C-alpha atoms as a PDB file:
ATOM      1  CA  MET A   1       0.008   0.023  -0.003  1.00  0.00           C
ATOM      2  CA  LYS A   2       2.822   2.413   0.877  1.00  0.00           C
ATOM      3  CA  MET A   3       4.479   1.651  -2.424  1.00  0.00           C
ATOM      4  CA  ILE A   4       1.350   2.611  -4.370  1.00  0.00           C
ATOM      5  CA  LYS A   5       1.116   5.918  -2.421  1.00  0.00           C
ATOM      6  CA  LEU A   6       4.817   6.596  -3.015  1.00  0.00           C
ATOM      7  CA  GLY A   7       4.360   5.788  -6.686  1.00  0.00           C
ATOM      8  CA  ARG A   8       1.489   8.259  -6.969  1.00  0.00           C
ATOM      9  CA  CYS A   9       3.516  10.964  -5.247  1.00  0.00           C
ATOM     10  CA  VAL A  10       6.447  10.390  -7.596  1.00  0.00           C
ATOM     11  CA  ALA A  11       4.102  10.481 -10.576  1.00  0.00           C
ATOM     12  CA  MET A  12       2.440  13.659  -9.455  1.00  0.00           C
ATOM     13  CA  ALA A  13       5.857  15.287  -8.799  1.00  0.00           C
ATOM     14  CA  LEU A  14       7.062  14.290 -12.283  1.00  0.00           C
ATOM     15  CA  ALA A  15       3.880  15.653 -13.846  1.00  0.00           C
ATOM     16  CA  ALA A  16       4.297  18.939 -11.958  1.00  0.00           C
ATOM     17  CA  LEU A  17       7.924  19.240 -13.119  1.00  0.00           C
ATOM     18  CA  MET A  18       6.865  18.618 -16.703  1.00  0.00           C
ATOM     19  CA  LEU A  19       4.123  21.279 -16.531  1.00  0.00           C
ATOM     20  CA  MET A  20       6.355  23.840 -14.702  1.00  0.00           C
ATOM     21  CA  PRO A  21       7.885  25.315 -17.909  1.00  0.00           C
ATOM     22  CA  LEU A  22       4.404  25.739 -19.427  1.00  0.00           C
ATOM     23  CA  ILE A  23       3.166  27.436 -16.250  1.00  0.00           C
ATOM     24  CA  LEU A  24       6.170  29.743 -16.142  1.00  0.00           C
ATOM     25  CA  ASN A  25       5.802  30.560 -19.812  1.00  0.00           C
ATOM     26  CA  ALA A  26       2.065  31.276 -19.355  1.00  0.00           C
ATOM     27  CA  GLN A  27       3.086  33.729 -16.693  1.00  0.00           C
ATOM     28  CA  ASP A  28       5.369  35.376 -19.207  1.00  0.00           C
ATOM     29  CA  VAL A  29       2.319  35.907 -21.451  1.00  0.00           C
ATOM     30  CA  ARG A  30       0.360  37.502 -18.591  1.00  0.00           C
ATOM     31  CA  ASP A  31       3.302  39.739 -17.747  1.00  0.00           C
ATOM     32  CA  LEU A  32       3.597  40.944 -21.312  1.00  0.00           C
ATOM     33  CA  MET A  33      -0.158  41.567 -21.345  1.00  0.00           C
ATOM     34  CA  ARG A  34       0.085  43.613 -18.152  1.00  0.00           C
ATOM     35  CA  GLU A  35       2.786  45.713 -19.921  1.00  0.00           C
ATOM     36  CA  LYS A  36       0.398  46.056 -22.910  1.00  0.00           C
ATOM     37  CA  LYS A  37       2.966  44.389 -25.194  1.00  0.00           C
ATOM     38  CA  TRP A  38       0.168  42.815 -27.239  1.00  0.00           C
ATOM     39  CA  THR A  39       2.251  41.545 -30.183  1.00  0.00           C
ATOM     40  CA  ALA A  40       4.917  39.893 -28.012  1.00  0.00           C
ATOM     41  CA  ALA A  41       2.295  38.376 -25.722  1.00  0.00           C
ATOM     42  CA  ARG A  42       0.256  36.993 -28.606  1.00  0.00           C
ATOM     43  CA  GLU A  43       3.366  35.533 -30.251  1.00  0.00           C
ATOM     44  CA  LYS A  44       4.350  33.871 -26.980  1.00  0.00           C
ATOM     45  CA  ALA A  45       0.820  32.531 -26.415  1.00  0.00           C
ATOM     46  CA  GLU A  46       0.639  31.136 -29.912  1.00  0.00           C
ATOM     47  CA  GLN A  47       4.034  29.550 -29.559  1.00  0.00           C
ATOM     48  CA  LEU A  48       2.849  27.864 -26.285  1.00  0.00           C
ATOM     49  CA  LEU A  49      -0.330  26.791 -28.000  1.00  0.00           C
ATOM     50  CA  LYS A  50       1.741  24.703 -30.389  1.00  0.00           C
ATOM     51  CA  GLU A  51       2.789  22.643 -27.377  1.00  0.00           C
ATOM     52  CA  ASN A  52      -0.612  22.673 -25.683  1.00  0.00           C
ATOM     53  CA  PRO A  53      -3.397  23.494 -28.217  1.00  0.00           C
ATOM     54  CA  THR A  54      -6.142  22.763 -25.757  1.00  0.00           C
ATOM     55  CA  ASP A  55      -5.142  25.337 -23.118  1.00  0.00           C
ATOM     56  CA  ALA A  56      -8.292  27.481 -22.929  1.00  0.00           C
ATOM     57  CA  GLY A  57      -6.538  30.117 -20.832  1.00  0.00           C
ATOM     58  CA  LEU A  58      -3.792  30.561 -23.427  1.00  0.00           C
ATOM     59  CA  LEU A  59      -6.434  30.762 -26.151  1.00  0.00           C
ATOM     60  CA  VAL A  60      -8.269  33.505 -24.252  1.00  0.00           C
ATOM     61  CA  SER A  61      -4.970  35.362 -23.726  1.00  0.00           C
ATOM     62  CA  ALA A  62      -4.135  35.169 -27.457  1.00  0.00           C
ATOM     63  CA  GLY A  63      -7.673  36.343 -28.172  1.00  0.00           C
ATOM     64  CA  ILE A  64      -7.381  39.317 -25.893  1.00  0.00           C
ATOM     65  CA  CYS A  65      -4.023  40.276 -27.511  1.00  0.00           C
ATOM     66  CA  ALA A  66      -5.560  39.980 -30.972  1.00  0.00           C
ATOM     67  CA  VAL A  67      -8.491  42.244 -29.913  1.00  0.00           C
ATOM     68  CA  ASN A  68      -5.991  44.854 -28.702  1.00  0.00           C
ATOM     69  CA  GLN A  69      -4.250  44.605 -32.095  1.00  0.00           C
ATOM     70  CA  ARG A  70      -7.625  45.119 -33.762  1.00  0.00           C
ATOM     71  CA  ASN A  71      -7.310  41.693 -35.405  1.00  0.00           C
ATOM     72  CA  TYR A  72     -10.891  40.566 -34.819  1.00  0.00           C
ATOM     73  CA  ASP A  73     -10.656  37.506 -37.068  1.00  0.00           C
ATOM     74  CA  ALA A  74      -7.729  36.103 -35.081  1.00  0.00           C
ATOM     75  CA  ALA A  75      -9.440  36.998 -31.827  1.00  0.00           C
ATOM     76  CA  LEU A  76     -12.634  35.246 -32.819  1.00  0.00           C
ATOM     77  CA  LEU A  77     -10.636  32.183 -33.884  1.00  0.00           C
ATOM     78  CA  HIS A  78      -8.814  31.920 -30.532  1.00  0.00           C
ATOM     79  CA  LEU A  79     -11.872  32.725 -28.421  1.00  0.00           C
ATOM     80  CA  SER A  80     -14.143  30.304 -30.300  1.00  0.00           C
ATOM     81  CA  ARG A  81     -11.618  27.508 -29.807  1.00  0.00           C
ATOM     82  CA  ALA A  82     -11.490  28.345 -26.112  1.00  0.00           C
ATOM     83  CA  ALA A  83     -15.306  28.222 -25.929  1.00  0.00           C
ATOM     84  CA  ASP A  84     -15.313  24.823 -27.696  1.00  0.00           C
ATOM     85  CA  ILE A  85     -12.778  23.462 -25.242  1.00  0.00           C
ATOM     86  CA  ARG A  86     -14.431  24.985 -22.160  1.00  0.00           C
ATOM     87  CA  PRO A  87     -18.083  25.640 -23.119  1.00  0.00           C
ATOM     88  CA  LYS A  88     -19.042  26.843 -19.653  1.00  0.00           C
ATOM     89  CA  MET A  89     -16.291  29.488 -19.431  1.00  0.00           C
ATOM     90  CA  PHE A  90     -17.676  33.036 -19.242  1.00  0.00           C
ATOM     91  CA  LEU A  91     -14.844  35.076 -20.804  1.00  0.00           C
ATOM     92  CA  PRO A  92     -14.664  33.644 -24.360  1.00  0.00           C
ATOM     93  CA  ALA A  93     -18.467  34.054 -24.948  1.00  0.00           C
ATOM     94  CA  TYR A  94     -18.436  37.528 -23.407  1.00  0.00           C
ATOM     95  CA  LEU A  95     -15.504  38.772 -25.433  1.00  0.00           C
ATOM     96  CA  MET A  96     -16.879  37.314 -28.667  1.00  0.00           C
ATOM     97  CA  GLY A  97     -20.096  39.184 -27.895  1.00  0.00           C
ATOM     98  CA  ILE A  98     -18.142  42.406 -27.472  1.00  0.00           C
ATOM     99  CA  ILE A  99     -16.464  41.870 -30.848  1.00  0.00           C
ATOM    100  CA  TYR A 100     -19.680  41.059 -32.641  1.00  0.00           C
ATOM    101  CA  GLU A 101     -21.386  44.016 -31.028  1.00  0.00           C
ATOM    102  CA  GLU A 102     -18.544  46.422 -32.032  1.00  0.00           C
ATOM    103  CA  THR A 103     -18.486  45.068 -35.610  1.00  0.00           C
ATOM    104  CA  GLY A 104     -22.315  45.327 -36.004  1.00  0.00           C
ATOM    105  CA  ASN A 105     -23.176  41.581 -36.011  1.00  0.00           C
ATOM    106  CA  LEU A 106     -25.895  42.029 -33.442  1.00  0.00           C
ATOM    107  CA  TYR A 107     -27.536  38.653 -33.780  1.00  0.00           C
ATOM    108  CA  LYS A 108     -24.286  36.812 -33.068  1.00  0.00           C
ATOM    109  CA  ALA A 109     -23.519  39.285 -30.276  1.00  0.00           C
ATOM    110  CA  ARG A 110     -26.848  38.495 -28.684  1.00  0.00           C
ATOM    111  CA  GLU A 111     -26.179  34.745 -28.933  1.00  0.00           C
ATOM    112  CA  CYS A 112     -22.781  35.225 -27.262  1.00  0.00           C
ATOM    113  CA  PHE A 113     -24.126  37.441 -24.537  1.00  0.00           C
ATOM    114  CA  GLU A 114     -26.891  34.950 -23.779  1.00  0.00           C
ATOM    115  CA  LYS A 115     -24.266  32.236 -23.390  1.00  0.00           C
ATOM    116  CA  ALA A 116     -22.036  34.494 -21.280  1.00  0.00           C
ATOM    117  CA  LEU A 117     -24.967  35.305 -19.022  1.00  0.00           C
ATOM    118  CA  LYS A 118     -25.702  31.630 -18.614  1.00  0.00           C
ATOM    119  CA  ASN A 119     -22.035  30.925 -17.830  1.00  0.00           C
ATOM    120  CA  ALA A 120     -21.565  33.819 -15.427  1.00  0.00           C
ATOM    121  CA  LYS A 121     -20.805  32.740 -11.910  1.00  0.00           C
ATOM    122  CA  ASP A 122     -20.780  36.011 -10.041  1.00  0.00           C
ATOM    123  CA  LYS A 123     -22.985  39.056  -9.834  1.00  0.00           C
ATOM    124  CA  ASP A 124     -20.598  41.440 -11.667  1.00  0.00           C
ATOM    125  CA  LYS A 125     -20.224  39.157 -14.671  1.00  0.00           C
ATOM    126  CA  LYS A 126     -23.996  38.556 -14.825  1.00  0.00           C
ATOM    127  CA  GLU A 127     -24.668  42.293 -14.712  1.00  0.00           C
ATOM    128  CA  ARG A 128     -22.092  43.047 -17.486  1.00  0.00           C
ATOM    129  CA  ALA A 129     -23.467  40.312 -19.735  1.00  0.00           C
ATOM    130  CA  ALA A 130     -27.048  41.349 -19.038  1.00  0.00           C
ATOM    131  CA  ARG A 131     -26.314  45.002 -19.781  1.00  0.00           C
ATOM    132  CA  HIS A 132     -24.733  44.147 -23.161  1.00  0.00           C
ATOM    133  CA  LEU A 133     -27.544  41.703 -23.949  1.00  0.00           C
ATOM    134  CA  ALA A 134     -30.154  44.359 -23.269  1.00  0.00           C
ATOM    135  CA  ASN A 135     -28.291  46.906 -25.440  1.00  0.00           C
ATOM    136  CA  VAL A 136     -27.907  44.515 -28.311  1.00  0.00           C
ATOM    137  CA  SER A 137     -31.542  43.355 -28.112  1.00  0.00           C
ATOM    138  CA  ASP A 138     -32.701  47.009 -28.111  1.00  0.00           C
ATOM    139  CA  ASN A 139     -30.624  47.715 -31.179  1.00  0.00           C
ATOM    140  CA  ILE A 140     -31.986  44.696 -32.962  1.00  0.00           C
ATOM    141  CA  GLU A 141     -35.527  45.816 -32.197  1.00  0.00           C
ATOM    142  CA  GLU A 142     -34.812  49.335 -33.399  1.00  0.00           C
ATOM    143  CA  GLY A 143     -33.397  47.868 -36.639  1.00  0.00           C
ATOM    144  CA  LYS A 144     -29.876  49.175 -36.275  1.00  0.00           C
END
């Protein structure tokens, strides 16, 4: 029994050591984003995504960087992949809603804000999504 527990501990330690470079590199992306170095952060995130293409956090980071570069196509690509991987995650749906709202695709924006509202876990997120949803719905009704 002790051998099994020891084996699990060793396996967990090895897994943590293998993930450590990825975690540290993801921190580099966040640091670059804090410094508003959008191009460098996006390049770093996309490089890391080659190693771990299902990391929803990195996909969201790359999407945020692309938005700040005004590259909405790339942002939507990254954010939609993140939403596919983690369908109950608030941020990808919310940010896609913002992009669609800003670019005038109100029906897609409404769909995204509805999903974001459903995925929101806290009051602030629910209020933000609901506010955008109401605005988009009003604009659709007004025929904008």
